[in-house]
Amino acid sequence: MALLVIEHSSETGIQRFGPVLTSYGHRLRLVRGDQRQSLPATIDGIDGIITCGGPQSLTEPHDWLEPQLDLVRQAHLAQLPIVGLCLGAQIVATALGGRVGKMAGGYELGWSDLKLAAQGRTDPVFAGMGWTTKQLHWHRDEVAELPPDAQLLASSDRCMNQAFSVGMRTYAFQFHPEVTAESIEQWSLSEPAALGEAGITHEQLMEDTRANYPAFARLSQRLFEALALLVMPVDRRYQGAVKDLHH
């Protein structure tokens, strides 16, 4: 048994989340959805799904998308853990009945405030995080409508649905808690048009990264540990660590 990790680009993926999961005993099975690598037809043999970021837009057709949406639906109905990151969050929303659309005003890109909603302030996944934190954003599409029964967990000034949950074991994050400082620089150098549309220079983005990354890395590490312990625990031996996380 393993967690199925679906990546959509060579420049994005599970990144910093992966080592946390393996440190808590998970096996990871990586599949590149955009390269049409075969997804399992059913959820038999998987412990959960992590669907990662990527440059694709769900407002355009993709022949690899429908099998992934079907698998996410199966996993959610079976109450297997699901985590969506950026594009993955939009995939989770689409699979469960939400809607994705273009953002008004173009890209949300760079470091800006993430503000926890009322539900997010009491959700144990965000335990130990401030009600307002600096997070890295890099998206032109957004979850315009949440799925039925979803709980809004966090927003930014530009994007209402920055984080949400559906039920107890499905979580989605529009921002990028998984990103490394090296990836931010790589994205910045490879996507100058996106920076120009967002009105930010490479130099400014890297200056903001140097200022914000240390606190961001510490808090996102805590977020990943909470997901590993509370949403997708391997076995009962970590229950003591779960209790520690609440204090």
Foldseek 3Di string as FASTA:
>chain_A
DAEEWEEADPLKGQAQLVVLLVVQPGDYDYDHLNVVGDDDQECPPHQEYEYIDDDDDPVDDDPSQPSVLVHLLRCVVVLRAYEYEAVGLVSNQVSQAFDKDFFPQFWPFAKFKKAFDPVQVPDLLQQPPDRIAIFGATDGMAGPGGHPQKDATIATPRYRRQKIAHPQRYIYGNTHLNDDLVSSLVCLVVCVVRCVSVVHHSVRRNVRCVVRVVVSNVSSSSSSNCNQPRRRRPDDVCVVVNVVSND
